[in-house]
Amino acid sequence: MENRFEFEGAEVLPLLEEARAAKERLWTEAQRYVQAGVDLKAADAAALDDDVDHPETGAPPGLWLVNDRGVYLRSNAKKRAADAAAWARGYRGEVRVGDETICEFIDAATLEPLRAGDTLVVTLAEDKLRLSLARPS
């Protein structure tokens, strides 16, 4: 099943600036395991060991797509504004999407063309995340 989320470019741009300006940026949990050499597609990956030594920081600038309490984007800066988020249209607050909480990384470099008047469209499927821009004419 695909989910489509739309974000206001003017709300996303400050998050990108925060991520780019940060001295330290956090990895998502999946990125940390990959950095530690864990193959997430391996049969035994479901039983990841808490003793795996994985780094917490060192990620490139980017955003996290999260669905824990609504659907929103956050900067991956280690020191970030506590309430700074861009909420997906129609998915603010208590709207739950899916059975599991997700945290997917979006590299800031892929969002270079984004402008304040644009709408960032994120389409999330089982094994892929697709980004597109809707630009006013």
N, C-alpha and C. Protein backbone atom coordinates (compact mmCIF):
# COMPACT_ATOMS: atom_id res chain seq x y z
N MET A 1 0.84 -1.19 0.00
CA MET A 1 0.00 0.00 0.00
C MET A 1 0.88 1.25 0.00
N GLU A 2 0.54 2.20 -0.82
CA GLU A 2 1.27 3.46 -0.88
C GLU A 2 0.58 4.51 -0.04
N ASN A 3 1.38 5.35 0.57
CA ASN A 3 0.88 6.51 1.28
C ASN A 3 1.50 7.74 0.65
N ARG A 4 0.69 8.75 0.47
CA ARG A 4 1.16 10.00 -0.15
C ARG A 4 1.00 11.12 0.88
N PHE A 5 2.09 11.86 1.08
CA PHE A 5 2.09 12.95 2.05
C PHE A 5 2.58 14.22 1.38
N GLU A 6 1.92 15.33 1.67
CA GLU A 6 2.29 16.62 1.08
C GLU A 6 2.74 17.58 2.18
N PHE A 7 3.85 18.27 1.91
CA PHE A 7 4.44 19.21 2.86
C PHE A 7 4.65 20.56 2.18
N GLU A 8 4.38 21.63 2.92
CA GLU A 8 4.59 22.99 2.41
C GLU A 8 6.10 23.28 2.34
N GLY A 9 6.56 23.69 1.16
CA GLY A 9 7.98 24.00 0.99
C GLY A 9 8.49 25.02 1.99
N ALA A 10 7.68 26.03 2.29
CA ALA A 10 8.08 27.08 3.23
C ALA A 10 8.30 26.54 4.64
N GLU A 11 7.67 25.42 4.99
CA GLU A 11 7.87 24.81 6.30
C GLU A 11 9.07 23.85 6.30
N VAL A 12 9.40 23.30 5.14
CA VAL A 12 10.49 22.34 5.01
C VAL A 12 11.84 23.04 4.95
N LEU A 13 11.91 24.18 4.27
CA LEU A 13 13.19 24.86 4.06
C LEU A 13 13.94 25.20 5.36
N PRO A 14 13.28 25.71 6.41
CA PRO A 14 14.02 25.98 7.65
C PRO A 14 14.60 24.71 8.29
N LEU A 15 13.94 23.59 8.10
CA LEU A 15 14.46 22.32 8.63
C LEU A 15 15.72 21.92 7.89
N LEU A 16 15.72 22.12 6.58
CA LEU A 16 16.92 21.84 5.78
C LEU A 16 18.07 22.74 6.19
N GLU A 17 17.78 24.02 6.42
CA GLU A 17 18.82 24.96 6.87
C GLU A 17 19.39 24.53 8.21
N GLU A 18 18.52 24.09 9.11
CA GLU A 18 18.97 23.63 10.43
C GLU A 18 19.89 22.42 10.30
N ALA A 19 19.51 21.48 9.45
CA ALA A 19 20.32 20.27 9.25
C ALA A 19 21.67 20.61 8.64
N ARG A 20 21.68 21.48 7.66
CA ARG A 20 22.94 21.85 7.00
C ARG A 20 23.87 22.61 7.94
N ALA A 21 23.32 23.44 8.81
CA ALA A 21 24.13 24.27 9.71
C ALA A 21 24.64 23.50 10.94
N ALA A 22 24.06 22.36 11.22
CA ALA A 22 24.39 21.61 12.44
C ALA A 22 25.83 21.10 12.42
N LYS A 23 26.47 21.15 13.58
CA LYS A 23 27.82 20.59 13.73
C LYS A 23 27.77 19.07 13.82
N GLU A 24 26.68 18.55 14.40
CA GLU A 24 26.50 17.10 14.50
C GLU A 24 25.09 16.75 14.05
N ARG A 25 24.99 15.64 13.30
CA ARG A 25 23.70 15.18 12.82
C ARG A 25 23.52 13.71 13.18
N LEU A 26 22.30 13.35 13.52
CA LEU A 26 21.99 12.00 13.98
C LEU A 26 21.63 11.07 12.82
N TRP A 27 22.02 9.81 12.95
CA TRP A 27 21.61 8.75 12.04
C TRP A 27 20.24 8.25 12.50
N THR A 28 19.44 7.71 11.60
CA THR A 28 18.25 6.97 12.01
C THR A 28 18.74 5.65 12.58
N GLU A 29 17.86 4.91 13.24
CA GLU A 29 18.25 3.62 13.80
C GLU A 29 18.76 2.68 12.70
N ALA A 30 18.05 2.63 11.59
CA ALA A 30 18.48 1.75 10.49
C ALA A 30 19.84 2.17 9.96
N GLN A 31 20.07 3.48 9.80
CA GLN A 31 21.37 3.95 9.33
C GLN A 31 22.49 3.57 10.30
N ARG A 32 22.21 3.62 11.60
CA ARG A 32 23.23 3.26 12.60
C ARG A 32 23.63 1.79 12.45
N TYR A 33 22.65 0.93 12.26
CA TYR A 33 22.97 -0.49 12.07
C TYR A 33 23.78 -0.72 10.80
N VAL A 34 23.41 -0.04 9.73
CA VAL A 34 24.16 -0.18 8.48
C VAL A 34 25.60 0.31 8.68
N GLN A 35 25.77 1.42 9.40
CA GLN A 35 27.12 1.93 9.67
C GLN A 35 27.95 0.94 10.48
N ALA A 36 27.27 0.12 11.28
CA ALA A 36 27.97 -0.89 12.08
C ALA A 36 28.20 -2.18 11.30
N GLY A 37 27.76 -2.20 10.04
CA GLY A 37 28.00 -3.37 9.20
C GLY A 37 26.91 -4.40 9.19
N VAL A 38 25.74 -4.09 9.72
CA VAL A 38 24.62 -5.03 9.75
C VAL A 38 23.88 -4.98 8.42
N ASP A 39 23.64 -6.13 7.82
CA ASP A 39 22.86 -6.23 6.58
C ASP A 39 21.39 -6.32 6.98
N LEU A 40 20.64 -5.24 6.78
CA LEU A 40 19.25 -5.19 7.21
C LEU A 40 18.34 -6.11 6.41
N LYS A 41 18.80 -6.59 5.27
CA LYS A 41 17.99 -7.50 4.46
C LYS A 41 18.32 -8.97 4.76
N ALA A 42 19.27 -9.22 5.64
CA ALA A 42 19.64 -10.59 5.99
C ALA A 42 18.53 -11.24 6.80
N ALA A 43 18.45 -12.55 6.72
CA ALA A 43 17.39 -13.31 7.41
C ALA A 43 17.42 -13.09 8.92
N ASP A 44 18.59 -12.93 9.50
CA ASP A 44 18.68 -12.77 10.96
C ASP A 44 18.63 -11.31 11.41
N ALA A 45 18.37 -10.39 10.51
CA ALA A 45 18.34 -8.97 10.87
C ALA A 45 17.18 -8.63 11.80
N ALA A 46 16.13 -9.43 11.79
CA ALA A 46 14.99 -9.16 12.67
C ALA A 46 15.36 -9.28 14.14
N ALA A 47 16.40 -10.05 14.44
CA ALA A 47 16.84 -10.23 15.82
C ALA A 47 18.11 -9.43 16.07
N LEU A 48 18.07 -8.14 15.76
CA LEU A 48 19.26 -7.30 15.94
C LEU A 48 19.66 -7.27 17.40
N ASP A 49 20.93 -7.39 17.62
CA ASP A 49 21.48 -7.44 18.96
C ASP A 49 21.70 -6.02 19.48
N ASP A 50 21.24 -5.76 20.71
CA ASP A 50 21.43 -4.44 21.31
C ASP A 50 22.90 -4.13 21.55
N ASP A 51 23.75 -5.15 21.53
CA ASP A 51 25.17 -4.95 21.77
C ASP A 51 25.92 -4.50 20.52
N VAL A 52 25.25 -4.39 19.39
CA VAL A 52 25.91 -3.93 18.17
C VAL A 52 26.41 -2.52 18.41
N ASP A 53 27.68 -2.31 18.10
CA ASP A 53 28.29 -1.00 18.30
C ASP A 53 27.99 -0.14 17.08
N HIS A 54 27.05 0.76 17.21
CA HIS A 54 26.69 1.62 16.09
C HIS A 54 26.81 3.08 16.49
N PRO A 55 27.30 3.90 15.57
CA PRO A 55 27.48 5.33 15.87
C PRO A 55 26.15 6.05 15.97
N GLU A 56 26.15 7.11 16.73
CA GLU A 56 24.93 7.91 16.87
C GLU A 56 24.95 9.11 15.93
N THR A 57 26.14 9.69 15.72
CA THR A 57 26.24 10.88 14.89
C THR A 57 27.16 10.63 13.69
N GLY A 58 27.12 11.58 12.76
CA GLY A 58 27.96 11.47 11.58
C GLY A 58 27.17 11.44 10.29
N ALA A 59 25.87 11.55 10.38
CA ALA A 59 25.01 11.50 9.19
C ALA A 59 25.18 12.77 8.35
N PRO A 60 24.93 12.65 7.06
CA PRO A 60 24.92 13.85 6.22
C PRO A 60 23.68 14.68 6.55
N PRO A 61 23.64 15.95 6.14
CA PRO A 61 22.45 16.76 6.40
C PRO A 61 21.22 16.14 5.74
N GLY A 62 20.12 16.17 6.47
CA GLY A 62 18.90 15.63 5.91
C GLY A 62 17.71 15.79 6.84
N LEU A 63 16.63 15.16 6.44
CA LEU A 63 15.39 15.20 7.20
C LEU A 63 14.96 13.79 7.54
N TRP A 64 14.20 13.67 8.60
CA TRP A 64 13.58 12.40 8.97
C TRP A 64 12.08 12.51 8.69
N LEU A 65 11.55 11.51 8.00
CA LEU A 65 10.11 11.37 7.82
C LEU A 65 9.65 10.44 8.93
N VAL A 66 8.77 10.94 9.81
CA VAL A 66 8.36 10.21 11.00
C VAL A 66 6.85 10.11 11.05
N ASN A 67 6.33 9.00 11.60
CA ASN A 67 4.88 8.84 11.74
C ASN A 67 4.46 8.42 13.15
N ASP A 68 5.18 8.83 14.18
CA ASP A 68 4.83 8.38 15.53
C ASP A 68 3.61 9.06 16.12
N ARG A 69 3.38 10.30 15.82
CA ARG A 69 2.20 11.04 16.29
C ARG A 69 1.78 12.00 15.19
N GLY A 70 1.23 11.46 14.14
CA GLY A 70 1.00 12.21 12.93
C GLY A 70 2.13 11.90 11.97
N VAL A 71 2.20 12.61 10.87
CA VAL A 71 3.28 12.42 9.91
C VAL A 71 3.96 13.76 9.73
N TYR A 72 5.27 13.78 9.92
CA TYR A 72 5.99 15.04 9.87
C TYR A 72 7.44 14.83 9.45
N LEU A 73 8.08 15.94 9.09
CA LEU A 73 9.50 15.97 8.78
C LEU A 73 10.21 16.73 9.88
N ARG A 74 11.40 16.24 10.25
CA ARG A 74 12.26 16.92 11.23
C ARG A 74 13.67 16.97 10.69
N SER A 75 14.42 17.91 11.15
CA SER A 75 15.84 17.98 10.84
C SER A 75 16.56 16.84 11.56
N ASN A 76 17.67 16.36 11.01
CA ASN A 76 18.45 15.34 11.71
C ASN A 76 19.58 15.96 12.53
N ALA A 77 19.52 17.27 12.76
CA ALA A 77 20.51 17.95 13.60
C ALA A 77 20.42 17.42 15.02
N LYS A 78 21.57 17.18 15.64
CA LYS A 78 21.56 16.68 17.02
C LYS A 78 20.94 17.73 17.95
N LYS A 79 21.32 18.98 17.78
CA LYS A 79 20.73 20.07 18.56
C LYS A 79 19.75 20.78 17.64
N ARG A 80 18.48 20.53 17.86
CA ARG A 80 17.45 21.12 17.00
C ARG A 80 16.35 21.73 17.86
N ALA A 81 15.61 22.61 17.25
CA ALA A 81 14.48 23.22 17.94
C ALA A 81 13.48 22.11 18.28
N ALA A 82 13.07 22.06 19.52
CA ALA A 82 12.23 20.95 20.02
C ALA A 82 10.94 20.77 19.25
N ASP A 83 10.30 21.85 18.85
CA ASP A 83 9.00 21.73 18.20
C ASP A 83 9.07 22.02 16.70
N ALA A 84 10.26 22.10 16.13
CA ALA A 84 10.40 22.41 14.71
C ALA A 84 10.07 21.17 13.88
N ALA A 85 9.00 21.26 13.13
CA ALA A 85 8.57 20.14 12.27
C ALA A 85 7.70 20.70 11.16
N ALA A 86 7.69 19.99 10.05
CA ALA A 86 6.78 20.29 8.95
C ALA A 86 5.78 19.14 8.92
N TRP A 87 4.53 19.44 9.18
CA TRP A 87 3.49 18.41 9.24
C TRP A 87 2.89 18.16 7.86
N ALA A 88 2.63 16.92 7.57
CA ALA A 88 1.96 16.57 6.31
C ALA A 88 0.52 17.06 6.38
N ARG A 89 0.04 17.58 5.26
CA ARG A 89 -1.35 18.04 5.21
C ARG A 89 -2.29 16.90 5.60
N GLY A 90 -3.13 17.17 6.60
CA GLY A 90 -4.13 16.20 7.03
C GLY A 90 -3.61 15.14 7.98
N TYR A 91 -2.35 15.22 8.39
CA TYR A 91 -1.78 14.18 9.26
C TYR A 91 -1.10 14.78 10.48
N ARG A 92 -1.66 15.83 11.03
CA ARG A 92 -1.07 16.48 12.20
C ARG A 92 -1.58 15.82 13.48
N GLY A 93 -0.72 15.72 14.46
CA GLY A 93 -1.11 15.26 15.78
C GLY A 93 -1.41 13.79 15.91
N GLU A 94 -2.62 13.47 16.23
CA GLU A 94 -2.98 12.10 16.61
C GLU A 94 -3.28 11.16 15.45
N VAL A 95 -3.22 11.63 14.22
CA VAL A 95 -3.53 10.77 13.07
C VAL A 95 -2.42 9.75 12.89
N ARG A 96 -2.73 8.50 13.10
CA ARG A 96 -1.75 7.41 12.99
C ARG A 96 -1.80 6.82 11.59
N VAL A 97 -0.64 6.55 11.03
CA VAL A 97 -0.55 5.96 9.69
C VAL A 97 0.26 4.68 9.81
N GLY A 98 -0.35 3.57 9.46
CA GLY A 98 0.36 2.30 9.51
C GLY A 98 0.40 1.70 10.90
N ASP A 99 0.88 0.46 10.96
CA ASP A 99 0.94 -0.27 12.23
C ASP A 99 2.23 -0.01 13.00
N GLU A 100 3.28 0.37 12.29
CA GLU A 100 4.58 0.56 12.93
C GLU A 100 5.04 2.00 12.78
N THR A 101 5.78 2.45 13.78
CA THR A 101 6.41 3.76 13.69
C THR A 101 7.56 3.67 12.70
N ILE A 102 7.66 4.68 11.86
CA ILE A 102 8.78 4.71 10.91
C ILE A 102 9.62 5.96 11.14
N CYS A 103 10.85 5.89 10.70
CA CYS A 103 11.75 7.04 10.67
C CYS A 103 12.65 6.83 9.46
N GLU A 104 12.32 7.48 8.37
CA GLU A 104 13.06 7.34 7.12
C GLU A 104 13.89 8.58 6.87
N PHE A 105 15.11 8.39 6.38
CA PHE A 105 16.02 9.49 6.10
C PHE A 105 15.83 10.01 4.68
N ILE A 106 15.82 11.34 4.54
CA ILE A 106 15.79 11.99 3.24
C ILE A 106 17.00 12.91 3.18
N ASP A 107 17.92 12.63 2.28
CA ASP A 107 19.15 13.40 2.15
C ASP A 107 18.83 14.82 1.68
N ALA A 108 19.42 15.82 2.34
CA ALA A 108 19.16 17.22 1.99
C ALA A 108 19.53 17.51 0.55
N ALA A 109 20.54 16.84 0.02
CA ALA A 109 20.97 17.09 -1.36
C ALA A 109 19.85 16.82 -2.36
N THR A 110 18.98 15.87 -2.05
CA THR A 110 17.88 15.55 -2.98
C THR A 110 16.81 16.64 -2.99
N LEU A 111 16.84 17.51 -2.00
CA LEU A 111 15.83 18.56 -1.89
C LEU A 111 16.33 19.94 -2.32
N GLU A 112 17.49 19.99 -2.98
CA GLU A 112 18.06 21.25 -3.44
C GLU A 112 17.08 22.08 -4.28
N PRO A 113 16.29 21.48 -5.17
CA PRO A 113 15.40 22.29 -6.02
C PRO A 113 14.19 22.88 -5.28
N LEU A 114 13.95 22.49 -4.03
CA LEU A 114 12.77 22.92 -3.30
C LEU A 114 12.76 24.43 -3.08
N ARG A 115 11.59 25.06 -3.36
CA ARG A 115 11.38 26.49 -3.13
C ARG A 115 10.25 26.68 -2.14
N ALA A 116 10.17 27.86 -1.57
CA ALA A 116 9.17 28.15 -0.53
C ALA A 116 7.73 27.91 -1.01
N GLY A 117 7.41 28.22 -2.25
CA GLY A 117 6.04 28.06 -2.74
C GLY A 117 5.70 26.66 -3.21
N ASP A 118 6.69 25.76 -3.22
CA ASP A 118 6.47 24.39 -3.69
C ASP A 118 5.76 23.53 -2.65
N THR A 119 5.22 22.44 -3.13
CA THR A 119 4.72 21.38 -2.27
C THR A 119 5.62 20.18 -2.46
N LEU A 120 6.20 19.69 -1.39
CA LEU A 120 7.01 18.48 -1.43
C LEU A 120 6.06 17.30 -1.26
N VAL A 121 6.08 16.40 -2.24
CA VAL A 121 5.22 15.22 -2.19
C VAL A 121 6.10 14.01 -1.90
N VAL A 122 5.80 13.31 -0.82
CA VAL A 122 6.53 12.10 -0.44
C VAL A 122 5.57 10.93 -0.58
N THR A 123 5.94 9.99 -1.43
CA THR A 123 5.15 8.78 -1.62
C THR A 123 5.93 7.64 -1.01
N LEU A 124 5.31 6.98 -0.04
CA LEU A 124 5.98 5.92 0.70
C LEU A 124 5.28 4.61 0.41
N ALA A 125 6.05 3.66 -0.11
CA ALA A 125 5.56 2.31 -0.37
C ALA A 125 6.35 1.35 0.51
N GLU A 126 6.05 0.08 0.43
CA GLU A 126 6.69 -0.93 1.27
C GLU A 126 8.21 -0.84 1.26
N ASP A 127 8.81 -0.77 0.06
CA ASP A 127 10.27 -0.80 -0.04
C ASP A 127 10.87 0.42 -0.71
N LYS A 128 10.10 1.49 -0.86
CA LYS A 128 10.68 2.66 -1.51
C LYS A 128 10.02 3.93 -1.03
N LEU A 129 10.77 5.00 -1.20
CA LEU A 129 10.31 6.33 -0.87
C LEU A 129 10.56 7.18 -2.11
N ARG A 130 9.53 7.84 -2.61
CA ARG A 130 9.66 8.65 -3.82
C ARG A 130 9.35 10.10 -3.48
N LEU A 131 10.18 11.01 -3.97
CA LEU A 131 10.01 12.44 -3.74
C LEU A 131 9.66 13.13 -5.04
N SER A 132 8.77 14.09 -4.98
CA SER A 132 8.47 14.93 -6.14
C SER A 132 8.06 16.30 -5.65
N LEU A 133 8.11 17.26 -6.56
CA LEU A 133 7.74 18.62 -6.23
C LEU A 133 6.56 19.05 -7.08
N ALA A 134 5.61 19.71 -6.45
CA ALA A 134 4.51 20.34 -7.15
C ALA A 134 4.79 21.84 -7.07
N ARG A 135 4.96 22.45 -8.21
CA ARG A 135 5.33 23.86 -8.25
C ARG A 135 4.16 24.66 -8.81
N PRO A 136 3.80 25.79 -8.17
CA PRO A 136 2.69 26.57 -8.68
C PRO A 136 3.04 27.15 -10.06
N SER A 137 2.04 27.26 -10.90
CA SER A 137 2.32 27.77 -12.25
C SER A 137 2.31 29.26 -12.33
